[in-house]
Amino acid sequence: MTAGRQAEGAGTDHASARLPSRVAKLLSALFYGTCSFLLVLVNKALLTTYRFPSPIVLGIGQMTVTIMILYVSKLNKVIHFPDFDKKIPIKLFPLPLLYVGNHISGLSSTSKLSLPMFTVLRKFTIPLTLLLETIILGKQYSLNIIVSVFAIILGAFIAAGSDLAFNLEGYIFVFLNDIFTAANGVYTKQKMDPKELGKYGVLFYNACFMIIPTLIISVSTGDLRQATEFNQWKNVLFIIQFLLSCFLGFLLMYSTLLCSYYNLALTTAVVGAIKNVSVAYIGMLVGGDYIFSVLNFVGLNICMAGGLRYSFLTLNSQLKPKQPVDEENIPQDLKG
């Protein structure tokens, strides 16, 4: 009887030990979705409403804030990550290249597409992430999840095919952004070993390695000159939103790492898609650059339904009670 109670107590303790991990998964996903939602709205205001001509300079501002916050936090022993050594670039590769490509293509596509179409086309990140996780990380997914992903793709094709404000340059940038985002998410999951660089080390050294090359690109393309000649630098409201974008850029990078750390990279991609439900519908009302058509609206809703279905399947699998199992039978992504 006593042994039975002890075994039952041990099982309860084990379930309790897993509970914070499930809560962390959910909270990290919500944190990422919120940061991503706010940043898209602020960047859209800067690049479209104010017509700020320099998305690369905006990216440099976000990298600068990231470096400053993490370095000051390390000096004050709030966080810890390894000091620089010659092995760090090798450990990080190819993350810095993916990081800057993701930044620049994301900001450029935001300025050239309506919010609803931007958010729909960004959903191609999801099948790309699924493919890369299968190839690089060896993940396997159920048929229900694969069907949800293809519903997202179908809705995106329908919406994009009837986009009355078609912009080829914007489409190219957003598809590049999808590729960079998917690859960045999968490789971040692979590189984020606490025994190596950890979450903060990956974030800090990514920004450090890419801020100078990005600055060189900005100077050589005339992007920096356009930024310095911009006529809104005396506008207090513009400056506040510019600084807010820089801070939200740091929060987005940090929340993406947290979400990838506690969840699958595919879950991080789908959370971004669910966030787009709010962004797309708000963009229809207040963006000013959305042109309504029936097919486009139907495609948007199919896309959103597929994303919500995936979220339900993932959340249900994470939060439903589990039967006691041997440690060897626990899926790798639920350990720790």
C-alpha atoms as a PDB file:
ATOM      1  CA  MET A   1       0.000   0.000   0.000  1.00  0.00           C
ATOM      2  CA  THR A   2       2.791   2.372   1.004  1.00  0.00           C
ATOM      3  CA  ALA A   3       4.757   1.441  -2.084  1.00  0.00           C
ATOM      4  CA  GLY A   4       1.683   2.160  -4.193  1.00  0.00           C
ATOM      5  CA  ARG A   5       1.272   5.586  -2.600  1.00  0.00           C
ATOM      6  CA  GLN A   6       4.964   6.324  -3.172  1.00  0.00           C
ATOM      7  CA  ALA A   7       4.681   5.304  -6.814  1.00  0.00           C
ATOM      8  CA  GLU A   8       1.581   7.465  -7.201  1.00  0.00           C
ATOM      9  CA  GLY A   9       3.370  10.386  -5.545  1.00  0.00           C
ATOM     10  CA  ALA A  10       6.358   9.907  -7.812  1.00  0.00           C
ATOM     11  CA  GLY A  11       4.070   9.968 -10.842  1.00  0.00           C
ATOM     12  CA  THR A  12       2.447  13.183  -9.577  1.00  0.00           C
ATOM     13  CA  ASP A  13       5.854  14.785  -9.014  1.00  0.00           C
ATOM     14  CA  HIS A  14       6.910  13.790 -12.513  1.00  0.00           C
ATOM     15  CA  ALA A  15       3.745  15.308 -14.012  1.00  0.00           C
ATOM     16  CA  SER A  16       4.294  18.476 -11.961  1.00  0.00           C
ATOM     17  CA  ALA A  17       7.842  18.667 -13.231  1.00  0.00           C
ATOM     18  CA  ARG A  18       6.511  18.638 -16.791  1.00  0.00           C
ATOM     19  CA  LEU A  19       3.856  21.291 -16.102  1.00  0.00           C
ATOM     20  CA  PRO A  20       6.171  24.338 -16.044  1.00  0.00           C
ATOM     21  CA  SER A  21       7.578  23.184 -19.384  1.00  0.00           C
ATOM     22  CA  ARG A  22       4.076  23.162 -20.901  1.00  0.00           C
ATOM     23  CA  VAL A  23       3.302  26.580 -19.397  1.00  0.00           C
ATOM     24  CA  ALA A  24       6.620  27.876 -20.739  1.00  0.00           C
ATOM     25  CA  LYS A  25       5.749  26.573 -24.209  1.00  0.00           C
ATOM     26  CA  LEU A  26       2.408  28.361 -24.197  1.00  0.00           C
ATOM     27  CA  LEU A  27       3.671  31.634 -22.690  1.00  0.00           C
ATOM     28  CA  SER A  28       6.712  31.793 -24.982  1.00  0.00           C
ATOM     29  CA  ALA A  29       4.439  31.308 -28.006  1.00  0.00           C
ATOM     30  CA  LEU A  30       2.057  34.061 -26.823  1.00  0.00           C
ATOM     31  CA  PHE A  31       4.999  36.392 -26.105  1.00  0.00           C
ATOM     32  CA  TYR A  32       6.390  35.817 -29.607  1.00  0.00           C
ATOM     33  CA  GLY A  33       2.997  36.348 -31.259  1.00  0.00           C
ATOM     34  CA  THR A  34       2.393  39.600 -29.374  1.00  0.00           C
ATOM     35  CA  CYS A  35       5.843  41.037 -30.164  1.00  0.00           C
ATOM     36  CA  SER A  36       5.563  40.080 -33.825  1.00  0.00           C
ATOM     37  CA  PHE A  37       2.089  41.620 -34.094  1.00  0.00           C
ATOM     38  CA  LEU A  38       3.176  44.940 -32.547  1.00  0.00           C
ATOM     39  CA  LEU A  39       6.364  45.172 -34.623  1.00  0.00           C
ATOM     40  CA  VAL A  40       4.526  44.652 -37.935  1.00  0.00           C
ATOM     41  CA  LEU A  41       2.086  47.460 -37.072  1.00  0.00           C
ATOM     42  CA  VAL A  42       4.852  49.889 -36.008  1.00  0.00           C
ATOM     43  CA  ASN A  43       7.046  49.073 -39.034  1.00  0.00           C
ATOM     44  CA  LYS A  44       4.059  49.464 -41.356  1.00  0.00           C
ATOM     45  CA  ALA A  45       3.437  52.942 -39.923  1.00  0.00           C
ATOM     46  CA  LEU A  46       7.101  53.945 -40.315  1.00  0.00           C
ATOM     47  CA  LEU A  47       7.608  52.572 -43.827  1.00  0.00           C
ATOM     48  CA  THR A  48       4.177  53.325 -45.321  1.00  0.00           C
ATOM     49  CA  THR A  49       2.503  56.137 -43.361  1.00  0.00           C
ATOM     50  CA  TYR A  50       5.668  58.183 -42.744  1.00  0.00           C
ATOM     51  CA  ARG A  51       7.331  56.803 -45.913  1.00  0.00           C
ATOM     52  CA  PHE A  52      10.652  56.224 -44.155  1.00  0.00           C
ATOM     53  CA  PRO A  53      12.883  55.244 -47.108  1.00  0.00           C
ATOM     54  CA  SER A  54      15.495  53.092 -45.348  1.00  0.00           C
ATOM     55  CA  PRO A  55      14.424  49.643 -44.097  1.00  0.00           C
ATOM     56  CA  ILE A  56      18.090  48.609 -43.749  1.00  0.00           C
ATOM     57  CA  VAL A  57      18.769  51.522 -41.357  1.00  0.00           C
ATOM     58  CA  LEU A  58      15.754  50.417 -39.330  1.00  0.00           C
ATOM     59  CA  GLY A  59      17.305  46.951 -39.132  1.00  0.00           C
ATOM     60  CA  ILE A  60      20.628  48.451 -38.011  1.00  0.00           C
ATOM     61  CA  GLY A  61      18.797  50.318 -35.252  1.00  0.00           C
ATOM     62  CA  GLN A  62      17.228  47.059 -34.062  1.00  0.00           C
ATOM     63  CA  MET A  63      20.612  45.286 -34.052  1.00  0.00           C
ATOM     64  CA  THR A  64      22.200  48.186 -32.125  1.00  0.00           C
ATOM     65  CA  VAL A  65      19.525  48.092 -29.416  1.00  0.00           C
ATOM     66  CA  THR A  66      19.921  44.292 -29.156  1.00  0.00           C
ATOM     67  CA  ILE A  67      23.699  44.553 -28.671  1.00  0.00           C
ATOM     68  CA  MET A  68      23.405  47.346 -26.097  1.00  0.00           C
ATOM     69  CA  ILE A  69      20.715  45.644 -23.983  1.00  0.00           C
ATOM     70  CA  LEU A  70      22.446  42.250 -23.928  1.00  0.00           C
ATOM     71  CA  TYR A  71      25.927  43.678 -23.273  1.00  0.00           C
ATOM     72  CA  VAL A  72      24.752  45.889 -20.386  1.00  0.00           C
ATOM     73  CA  SER A  73      22.780  42.932 -18.970  1.00  0.00           C
ATOM     74  CA  LYS A  74      25.896  40.756 -19.136  1.00  0.00           C
ATOM     75  CA  LEU A  75      28.035  43.425 -17.424  1.00  0.00           C
ATOM     76  CA  ASN A  76      25.483  43.645 -14.610  1.00  0.00           C
ATOM     77  CA  LYS A  77      25.353  39.818 -14.391  1.00  0.00           C
ATOM     78  CA  VAL A  78      21.646  39.733 -15.195  1.00  0.00           C
ATOM     79  CA  ILE A  79      22.332  37.208 -17.971  1.00  0.00           C
ATOM     80  CA  HIS A  80      25.315  35.094 -18.976  1.00  0.00           C
ATOM     81  CA  PHE A  81      26.811  34.088 -22.303  1.00  0.00           C
ATOM     82  CA  PRO A  82      30.399  33.111 -23.282  1.00  0.00           C
ATOM     83  CA  ASP A  83      33.086  35.713 -23.991  1.00  0.00           C
ATOM     84  CA  PHE A  84      34.238  35.948 -27.576  1.00  0.00           C
ATOM     85  CA  ASP A  85      36.718  33.414 -28.937  1.00  0.00           C
ATOM     86  CA  LYS A  86      37.741  32.375 -32.444  1.00  0.00           C
ATOM     87  CA  LYS A  87      35.466  29.308 -32.418  1.00  0.00           C
ATOM     88  CA  ILE A  88      32.255  31.327 -32.053  1.00  0.00           C
ATOM     89  CA  PRO A  89      31.892  32.270 -35.778  1.00  0.00           C
ATOM     90  CA  ILE A  90      32.196  28.573 -36.680  1.00  0.00           C
ATOM     91  CA  LYS A  91      29.629  27.600 -34.047  1.00  0.00           C
ATOM     92  CA  LEU A  92      27.171  30.225 -35.320  1.00  0.00           C
ATOM     93  CA  PHE A  93      27.488  29.757 -39.093  1.00  0.00           C
ATOM     94  CA  PRO A  94      25.207  30.157 -41.106  1.00  0.00           C
ATOM     95  CA  LEU A  95      22.952  31.980 -38.604  1.00  0.00           C
ATOM     96  CA  PRO A  96      24.418  35.515 -39.065  1.00  0.00           C
ATOM     97  CA  LEU A  97      23.810  35.404 -42.826  1.00  0.00           C
ATOM     98  CA  LEU A  98      20.266  34.094 -42.358  1.00  0.00           C
ATOM     99  CA  TYR A  99      19.668  36.675 -39.640  1.00  0.00           C
ATOM    100  CA  VAL A 100      20.531  39.711 -41.771  1.00  0.00           C
ATOM    101  CA  GLY A 101      18.758  38.281 -44.817  1.00  0.00           C
ATOM    102  CA  ASN A 102      15.636  37.767 -42.704  1.00  0.00           C
ATOM    103  CA  HIS A 103      15.858  41.320 -41.358  1.00  0.00           C
ATOM    104  CA  ILE A 104      16.357  43.144 -44.649  1.00  0.00           C
ATOM    105  CA  SER A 105      13.897  41.105 -46.731  1.00  0.00           C
ATOM    106  CA  GLY A 106      11.244  41.364 -43.991  1.00  0.00           C
ATOM    107  CA  LEU A 107      11.475  45.132 -43.687  1.00  0.00           C
ATOM    108  CA  SER A 108      11.598  45.602 -47.471  1.00  0.00           C
ATOM    109  CA  SER A 109       8.537  43.427 -48.096  1.00  0.00           C
ATOM    110  CA  THR A 110       6.549  45.195 -45.348  1.00  0.00           C
ATOM    111  CA  SER A 111       6.923  48.502 -47.185  1.00  0.00           C
ATOM    112  CA  LYS A 112       5.845  47.141 -50.602  1.00  0.00           C
ATOM    113  CA  LEU A 113       2.738  45.050 -49.829  1.00  0.00           C
ATOM    114  CA  SER A 114      -0.632  45.628 -48.185  1.00  0.00           C
ATOM    115  CA  LEU A 115      -0.829  44.190 -44.653  1.00  0.00           C
ATOM    116  CA  PRO A 116      -3.288  41.405 -45.570  1.00  0.00           C
ATOM    117  CA  MET A 117      -1.215  40.208 -48.553  1.00  0.00           C
ATOM    118  CA  PHE A 118       2.038  40.500 -46.592  1.00  0.00           C
ATOM    119  CA  THR A 119       0.647  38.323 -43.826  1.00  0.00           C
ATOM    120  CA  VAL A 120      -0.771  35.729 -46.251  1.00  0.00           C
ATOM    121  CA  LEU A 121       2.437  35.360 -48.258  1.00  0.00           C
ATOM    122  CA  ARG A 122       4.458  35.078 -45.035  1.00  0.00           C
ATOM    123  CA  LYS A 123       2.624  31.810 -44.399  1.00  0.00           C
ATOM    124  CA  PHE A 124       4.842  30.031 -46.915  1.00  0.00           C
ATOM    125  CA  THR A 125       7.369  30.049 -44.071  1.00  0.00           C
ATOM    126  CA  ILE A 126       5.355  27.192 -42.520  1.00  0.00           C
ATOM    127  CA  PRO A 127       5.770  24.494 -45.238  1.00  0.00           C
ATOM    128  CA  LEU A 128       9.390  25.560 -45.717  1.00  0.00           C
ATOM    129  CA  THR A 129      10.001  25.119 -41.978  1.00  0.00           C
ATOM    130  CA  LEU A 130       8.262  21.726 -42.013  1.00  0.00           C
ATOM    131  CA  LEU A 131      10.488  20.616 -44.905  1.00  0.00           C
ATOM    132  CA  LEU A 132      13.714  21.886 -43.310  1.00  0.00           C
ATOM    133  CA  GLU A 133      12.889  20.368 -39.906  1.00  0.00           C
ATOM    134  CA  THR A 134      12.294  17.022 -41.612  1.00  0.00           C
ATOM    135  CA  ILE A 135      15.607  17.222 -43.494  1.00  0.00           C
ATOM    136  CA  ILE A 136      17.886  18.893 -40.906  1.00  0.00           C
ATOM    137  CA  LEU A 137      16.399  17.874 -37.544  1.00  0.00           C
ATOM    138  CA  GLY A 138      14.794  14.565 -38.575  1.00  0.00           C
ATOM    139  CA  LYS A 139      11.309  15.534 -37.277  1.00  0.00           C
ATOM    140  CA  GLN A 140       8.180  13.627 -38.315  1.00  0.00           C
ATOM    141  CA  TYR A 141       4.658  15.053 -38.419  1.00  0.00           C
ATOM    142  CA  SER A 142       1.176  13.524 -38.381  1.00  0.00           C
ATOM    143  CA  LEU A 143      -1.160  13.588 -41.387  1.00  0.00           C
ATOM    144  CA  ASN A 144      -3.500  16.049 -39.585  1.00  0.00           C
ATOM    145  CA  ILE A 145      -0.679  18.591 -39.202  1.00  0.00           C
ATOM    146  CA  ILE A 146       0.428  18.161 -42.832  1.00  0.00           C
ATOM    147  CA  VAL A 147      -3.184  18.686 -44.019  1.00  0.00           C
ATOM    148  CA  SER A 148      -3.396  21.877 -41.893  1.00  0.00           C
ATOM    149  CA  VAL A 149      -0.172  23.161 -43.458  1.00  0.00           C
ATOM    150  CA  PHE A 150      -1.430  22.523 -46.985  1.00  0.00           C
ATOM    151  CA  ALA A 151      -4.712  24.296 -46.183  1.00  0.00           C
ATOM    152  CA  ILE A 152      -2.594  27.335 -45.299  1.00  0.00           C
ATOM    153  CA  ILE A 153      -0.761  27.051 -48.639  1.00  0.00           C
ATOM    154  CA  LEU A 154      -4.022  26.650 -50.595  1.00  0.00           C
ATOM    155  CA  GLY A 155      -5.534  29.742 -48.978  1.00  0.00           C
ATOM    156  CA  ALA A 156      -2.378  31.735 -49.672  1.00  0.00           C
ATOM    157  CA  PHE A 157      -2.432  30.759 -53.373  1.00  0.00           C
ATOM    158  CA  ILE A 158      -6.107  31.736 -53.723  1.00  0.00           C
ATOM    159  CA  ALA A 159      -5.545  35.075 -51.971  1.00  0.00           C
ATOM    160  CA  ALA A 160      -2.345  35.903 -53.856  1.00  0.00           C
ATOM    161  CA  GLY A 161      -3.849  34.909 -57.225  1.00  0.00           C
ATOM    162  CA  SER A 162      -6.580  37.505 -56.812  1.00  0.00           C
ATOM    163  CA  ASP A 163      -4.437  40.261 -55.318  1.00  0.00           C
ATOM    164  CA  LEU A 164      -5.555  43.404 -57.157  1.00  0.00           C
ATOM    165  CA  ALA A 165      -2.528  45.387 -55.921  1.00  0.00           C
ATOM    166  CA  PHE A 166       0.090  42.927 -57.260  1.00  0.00           C
ATOM    167  CA  ASN A 167       3.682  44.097 -56.701  1.00  0.00           C
ATOM    168  CA  LEU A 168       6.378  41.781 -58.146  1.00  0.00           C
ATOM    169  CA  GLU A 169       9.209  43.318 -56.121  1.00  0.00           C
ATOM    170  CA  GLY A 170       7.182  42.952 -52.928  1.00  0.00           C
ATOM    171  CA  TYR A 171       6.413  39.297 -53.735  1.00  0.00           C
ATOM    172  CA  ILE A 172      10.107  38.531 -54.356  1.00  0.00           C
ATOM    173  CA  PHE A 173      11.124  40.135 -51.057  1.00  0.00           C
ATOM    174  CA  VAL A 174       8.428  38.336 -49.054  1.00  0.00           C
ATOM    175  CA  PHE A 175       9.317  34.910 -50.522  1.00  0.00           C
ATOM    176  CA  LEU A 176      12.987  35.549 -49.723  1.00  0.00           C
ATOM    177  CA  ASN A 177      11.843  36.512 -46.235  1.00  0.00           C
ATOM    178  CA  ASP A 178       9.964  33.193 -45.961  1.00  0.00           C
ATOM    179  CA  ILE A 179      13.084  31.222 -46.920  1.00  0.00           C
ATOM    180  CA  PHE A 180      15.334  33.129 -44.514  1.00  0.00           C
ATOM    181  CA  THR A 181      12.807  32.877 -41.671  1.00  0.00           C
ATOM    182  CA  ALA A 182      12.348  29.119 -42.086  1.00  0.00           C
ATOM    183  CA  ALA A 183      16.077  28.425 -42.299  1.00  0.00           C
ATOM    184  CA  ASN A 184      16.811  30.798 -39.398  1.00  0.00           C
ATOM    185  CA  GLY A 185      14.222  29.092 -37.163  1.00  0.00           C
ATOM    186  CA  VAL A 186      15.484  25.574 -37.856  1.00  0.00           C
ATOM    187  CA  TYR A 187      19.202  26.407 -37.511  1.00  0.00           C
ATOM    188  CA  THR A 188      18.526  28.461 -34.350  1.00  0.00           C
ATOM    189  CA  LYS A 189      16.899  25.387 -32.798  1.00  0.00           C
ATOM    190  CA  GLN A 190      19.975  23.384 -33.772  1.00  0.00           C
ATOM    191  CA  LYS A 191      22.549  25.911 -32.483  1.00  0.00           C
ATOM    192  CA  MET A 192      20.867  26.893 -29.190  1.00  0.00           C
ATOM    193  CA  ASP A 193      22.780  24.427 -26.999  1.00  0.00           C
ATOM    194  CA  PRO A 194      23.001  25.768 -23.394  1.00  0.00           C
ATOM    195  CA  LYS A 195      26.445  24.145 -23.103  1.00  0.00           C
ATOM    196  CA  GLU A 196      27.656  26.185 -26.068  1.00  0.00           C
ATOM    197  CA  LEU A 197      26.400  29.751 -26.746  1.00  0.00           C
ATOM    198  CA  GLY A 198      22.926  29.479 -25.209  1.00  0.00           C
ATOM    199  CA  LYS A 199      19.965  31.717 -26.094  1.00  0.00           C
ATOM    200  CA  TYR A 200      21.633  35.022 -25.248  1.00  0.00           C
ATOM    201  CA  GLY A 201      24.946  34.166 -26.903  1.00  0.00           C
ATOM    202  CA  VAL A 202      23.215  33.284 -30.178  1.00  0.00           C
ATOM    203  CA  LEU A 203      21.254  36.547 -30.086  1.00  0.00           C
ATOM    204  CA  PHE A 204      24.225  38.762 -29.112  1.00  0.00           C
ATOM    205  CA  TYR A 205      26.853  37.384 -31.517  1.00  0.00           C
ATOM    206  CA  ASN A 206      24.370  37.223 -34.406  1.00  0.00           C
ATOM    207  CA  ALA A 207      23.793  40.966 -34.063  1.00  0.00           C
ATOM    208  CA  CYS A 208      27.515  41.710 -33.530  1.00  0.00           C
ATOM    209  CA  PHE A 209      28.689  39.807 -36.601  1.00  0.00           C
ATOM    210  CA  MET A 210      26.131  41.323 -38.948  1.00  0.00           C
ATOM    211  CA  ILE A 211      25.810  44.972 -37.909  1.00  0.00           C
ATOM    212  CA  ILE A 212      29.012  46.108 -39.698  1.00  0.00           C
ATOM    213  CA  PRO A 213      28.311  44.245 -43.003  1.00  0.00           C
ATOM    214  CA  THR A 214      24.744  45.576 -42.909  1.00  0.00           C
ATOM    215  CA  LEU A 215      26.052  49.110 -42.344  1.00  0.00           C
ATOM    216  CA  ILE A 216      28.387  48.691 -45.347  1.00  0.00           C
ATOM    217  CA  ILE A 217      25.428  47.530 -47.484  1.00  0.00           C
ATOM    218  CA  SER A 218      23.429  50.527 -46.289  1.00  0.00           C
ATOM    219  CA  VAL A 219      26.202  52.973 -47.256  1.00  0.00           C
ATOM    220  CA  SER A 220      26.926  51.356 -50.646  1.00  0.00           C
ATOM    221  CA  THR A 221      23.258  51.266 -51.702  1.00  0.00           C
ATOM    222  CA  GLY A 222      22.546  54.861 -50.632  1.00  0.00           C
ATOM    223  CA  ASP A 223      20.123  53.643 -47.969  1.00  0.00           C
ATOM    224  CA  LEU A 224      22.002  55.453 -45.171  1.00  0.00           C
ATOM    225  CA  ARG A 225      22.110  58.709 -47.140  1.00  0.00           C
ATOM    226  CA  GLN A 226      18.341  58.547 -47.709  1.00  0.00           C
ATOM    227  CA  ALA A 227      17.850  57.992 -43.966  1.00  0.00           C
ATOM    228  CA  THR A 228      19.997  60.993 -42.968  1.00  0.00           C
ATOM    229  CA  GLU A 229      18.177  63.235 -45.473  1.00  0.00           C
ATOM    230  CA  PHE A 230      14.726  62.109 -44.322  1.00  0.00           C
ATOM    231  CA  ASN A 231      12.591  65.128 -43.417  1.00  0.00           C
ATOM    232  CA  GLN A 232      10.797  63.714 -40.348  1.00  0.00           C
ATOM    233  CA  TRP A 233      13.710  63.588 -37.879  1.00  0.00           C
ATOM    234  CA  LYS A 234      12.317  66.655 -36.095  1.00  0.00           C
ATOM    235  CA  ASN A 235       8.925  64.984 -35.734  1.00  0.00           C
ATOM    236  CA  VAL A 236       8.761  63.744 -32.126  1.00  0.00           C
ATOM    237  CA  LEU A 237       6.042  61.187 -32.887  1.00  0.00           C
ATOM    238  CA  PHE A 238       8.135  59.695 -35.705  1.00  0.00           C
ATOM    239  CA  ILE A 239      11.228  59.467 -33.455  1.00  0.00           C
ATOM    240  CA  ILE A 240       9.210  57.742 -30.717  1.00  0.00           C
ATOM    241  CA  GLN A 241       7.916  55.175 -33.221  1.00  0.00           C
ATOM    242  CA  PHE A 242      11.405  54.666 -34.685  1.00  0.00           C
ATOM    243  CA  LEU A 243      12.848  53.970 -31.211  1.00  0.00           C
ATOM    244  CA  LEU A 244       9.854  51.762 -30.392  1.00  0.00           C
ATOM    245  CA  SER A 245      10.514  49.752 -33.553  1.00  0.00           C
ATOM    246  CA  CYS A 246      14.163  49.297 -32.524  1.00  0.00           C
ATOM    247  CA  PHE A 247      13.146  48.050 -29.058  1.00  0.00           C
ATOM    248  CA  LEU A 248      10.392  45.821 -30.448  1.00  0.00           C
ATOM    249  CA  GLY A 249      12.944  44.414 -32.900  1.00  0.00           C
ATOM    250  CA  PHE A 250      15.024  43.274 -29.931  1.00  0.00           C
ATOM    251  CA  LEU A 251      11.946  41.833 -28.190  1.00  0.00           C
ATOM    252  CA  LEU A 252      10.956  39.978 -31.362  1.00  0.00           C
ATOM    253  CA  MET A 253      14.407  38.408 -31.733  1.00  0.00           C
ATOM    254  CA  TYR A 254      14.409  37.418 -28.058  1.00  0.00           C
ATOM    255  CA  SER A 255      10.845  36.064 -28.130  1.00  0.00           C
ATOM    256  CA  THR A 256      11.596  34.099 -31.320  1.00  0.00           C
ATOM    257  CA  LEU A 257      14.530  32.444 -29.550  1.00  0.00           C
ATOM    258  CA  LEU A 258      12.382  31.659 -26.505  1.00  0.00           C
ATOM    259  CA  CYS A 259       9.597  30.200 -28.641  1.00  0.00           C
ATOM    260  CA  SER A 260      12.075  28.105 -30.666  1.00  0.00           C
ATOM    261  CA  TYR A 261      13.780  26.990 -27.433  1.00  0.00           C
ATOM    262  CA  TYR A 262      10.582  25.707 -25.788  1.00  0.00           C
ATOM    263  CA  ASN A 263       8.750  24.590 -28.957  1.00  0.00           C
ATOM    264  CA  LEU A 264       9.401  23.166 -32.393  1.00  0.00           C
ATOM    265  CA  ALA A 265      10.547  25.621 -35.066  1.00  0.00           C
ATOM    266  CA  LEU A 266       7.356  24.751 -36.973  1.00  0.00           C
ATOM    267  CA  THR A 267       5.255  25.835 -33.979  1.00  0.00           C
ATOM    268  CA  THR A 268       7.081  29.182 -33.951  1.00  0.00           C
ATOM    269  CA  ALA A 269       6.276  29.610 -37.654  1.00  0.00           C
ATOM    270  CA  VAL A 270       2.596  28.787 -37.129  1.00  0.00           C
ATOM    271  CA  VAL A 271       2.290  31.127 -34.128  1.00  0.00           C
ATOM    272  CA  GLY A 272       3.479  33.863 -36.479  1.00  0.00           C
ATOM    273  CA  ALA A 273       0.714  32.876 -38.888  1.00  0.00           C
ATOM    274  CA  ILE A 274      -1.942  32.980 -36.165  1.00  0.00           C
ATOM    275  CA  LYS A 275      -0.746  36.436 -35.165  1.00  0.00           C
ATOM    276  CA  ASN A 276      -1.437  37.434 -38.745  1.00  0.00           C
ATOM    277  CA  VAL A 277      -5.169  36.837 -38.225  1.00  0.00           C
ATOM    278  CA  SER A 278      -5.331  40.078 -36.279  1.00  0.00           C
ATOM    279  CA  VAL A 279      -2.878  41.908 -38.543  1.00  0.00           C
ATOM    280  CA  ALA A 280      -4.699  40.963 -41.751  1.00  0.00           C
ATOM    281  CA  TYR A 281      -8.155  41.959 -40.573  1.00  0.00           C
ATOM    282  CA  ILE A 282      -6.908  45.181 -38.991  1.00  0.00           C
ATOM    283  CA  GLY A 283      -5.106  45.937 -42.269  1.00  0.00           C
ATOM    284  CA  MET A 284      -8.405  45.640 -44.153  1.00  0.00           C
ATOM    285  CA  LEU A 285      -9.904  48.337 -41.942  1.00  0.00           C
ATOM    286  CA  VAL A 286      -7.079  50.770 -41.250  1.00  0.00           C
ATOM    287  CA  GLY A 287      -4.168  49.983 -43.590  1.00  0.00           C
ATOM    288  CA  GLY A 288      -5.507  52.010 -46.497  1.00  0.00           C
ATOM    289  CA  ASP A 289      -3.740  49.857 -49.128  1.00  0.00           C
ATOM    290  CA  TYR A 290      -5.966  46.756 -49.241  1.00  0.00           C
ATOM    291  CA  ILE A 291      -8.183  46.295 -52.333  1.00  0.00           C
ATOM    292  CA  PHE A 292     -11.115  43.976 -51.620  1.00  0.00           C
ATOM    293  CA  SER A 293     -12.076  41.043 -53.853  1.00  0.00           C
ATOM    294  CA  VAL A 294     -14.192  37.992 -53.031  1.00  0.00           C
ATOM    295  CA  LEU A 295     -11.525  35.405 -53.962  1.00  0.00           C
ATOM    296  CA  ASN A 296      -8.856  37.276 -52.034  1.00  0.00           C
ATOM    297  CA  PHE A 297     -11.058  37.415 -48.938  1.00  0.00           C
ATOM    298  CA  VAL A 298     -11.962  33.695 -49.235  1.00  0.00           C
ATOM    299  CA  GLY A 299      -8.271  32.798 -49.588  1.00  0.00           C
ATOM    300  CA  LEU A 300      -7.420  34.816 -46.501  1.00  0.00           C
ATOM    301  CA  ASN A 301     -10.009  32.938 -44.456  1.00  0.00           C
ATOM    302  CA  ILE A 302      -8.924  29.485 -45.691  1.00  0.00           C
ATOM    303  CA  CYS A 303      -5.366  30.425 -44.770  1.00  0.00           C
ATOM    304  CA  MET A 304      -6.369  31.559 -41.294  1.00  0.00           C
ATOM    305  CA  ALA A 305      -8.489  28.420 -40.727  1.00  0.00           C
ATOM    306  CA  GLY A 306      -5.529  26.169 -41.567  1.00  0.00           C
ATOM    307  CA  GLY A 307      -3.309  28.066 -39.143  1.00  0.00           C
ATOM    308  CA  LEU A 308      -5.893  27.885 -36.355  1.00  0.00           C
ATOM    309  CA  ARG A 309      -6.338  24.144 -36.984  1.00  0.00           C
ATOM    310  CA  TYR A 310      -2.597  23.562 -36.637  1.00  0.00           C
ATOM    311  CA  SER A 311      -2.520  25.580 -33.424  1.00  0.00           C
ATOM    312  CA  PHE A 312      -5.387  23.518 -31.986  1.00  0.00           C
ATOM    313  CA  LEU A 313      -3.646  20.225 -32.842  1.00  0.00           C
ATOM    314  CA  THR A 314      -0.330  21.367 -31.380  1.00  0.00           C
ATOM    315  CA  LEU A 315      -1.786  22.870 -28.212  1.00  0.00           C
ATOM    316  CA  ASN A 316      -4.005  19.821 -27.657  1.00  0.00           C
ATOM    317  CA  SER A 317      -1.031  17.458 -27.973  1.00  0.00           C
ATOM    318  CA  GLN A 318       1.006  19.524 -25.493  1.00  0.00           C
ATOM    319  CA  LEU A 319      -1.648  20.070 -22.812  1.00  0.00           C
ATOM    320  CA  LYS A 320      -3.674  16.841 -22.760  1.00  0.00           C
ATOM    321  CA  PRO A 321      -2.921  14.489 -19.792  1.00  0.00           C
ATOM    322  CA  LYS A 322      -0.329  11.891 -20.535  1.00  0.00           C
ATOM    323  CA  GLN A 323      -0.186   8.290 -19.282  1.00  0.00           C
ATOM    324  CA  PRO A 324       2.885   7.314 -17.252  1.00  0.00           C
ATOM    325  CA  VAL A 325       5.574   6.081 -19.627  1.00  0.00           C
ATOM    326  CA  ASP A 326       9.171   5.034 -19.449  1.00  0.00           C
ATOM    327  CA  GLU A 327      11.711   7.822 -19.912  1.00  0.00           C
ATOM    328  CA  GLU A 328      12.944   6.209 -23.132  1.00  0.00           C
ATOM    329  CA  ASN A 329       9.472   6.557 -24.678  1.00  0.00           C
ATOM    330  CA  ILE A 330       9.056  10.288 -24.027  1.00  0.00           C
ATOM    331  CA  PRO A 331       9.401  12.266 -27.294  1.00  0.00           C
ATOM    332  CA  GLN A 332      12.664  14.176 -27.503  1.00  0.00           C
ATOM    333  CA  ASP A 333      10.939  17.579 -27.710  1.00  0.00           C
ATOM    334  CA  LEU A 334       9.159  16.996 -24.346  1.00  0.00           C
ATOM    335  CA  LYS A 335      12.279  16.087 -22.409  1.00  0.00           C
ATOM    336  CA  GLY A 336      13.878  18.705 -20.227  1.00  0.00           C
END
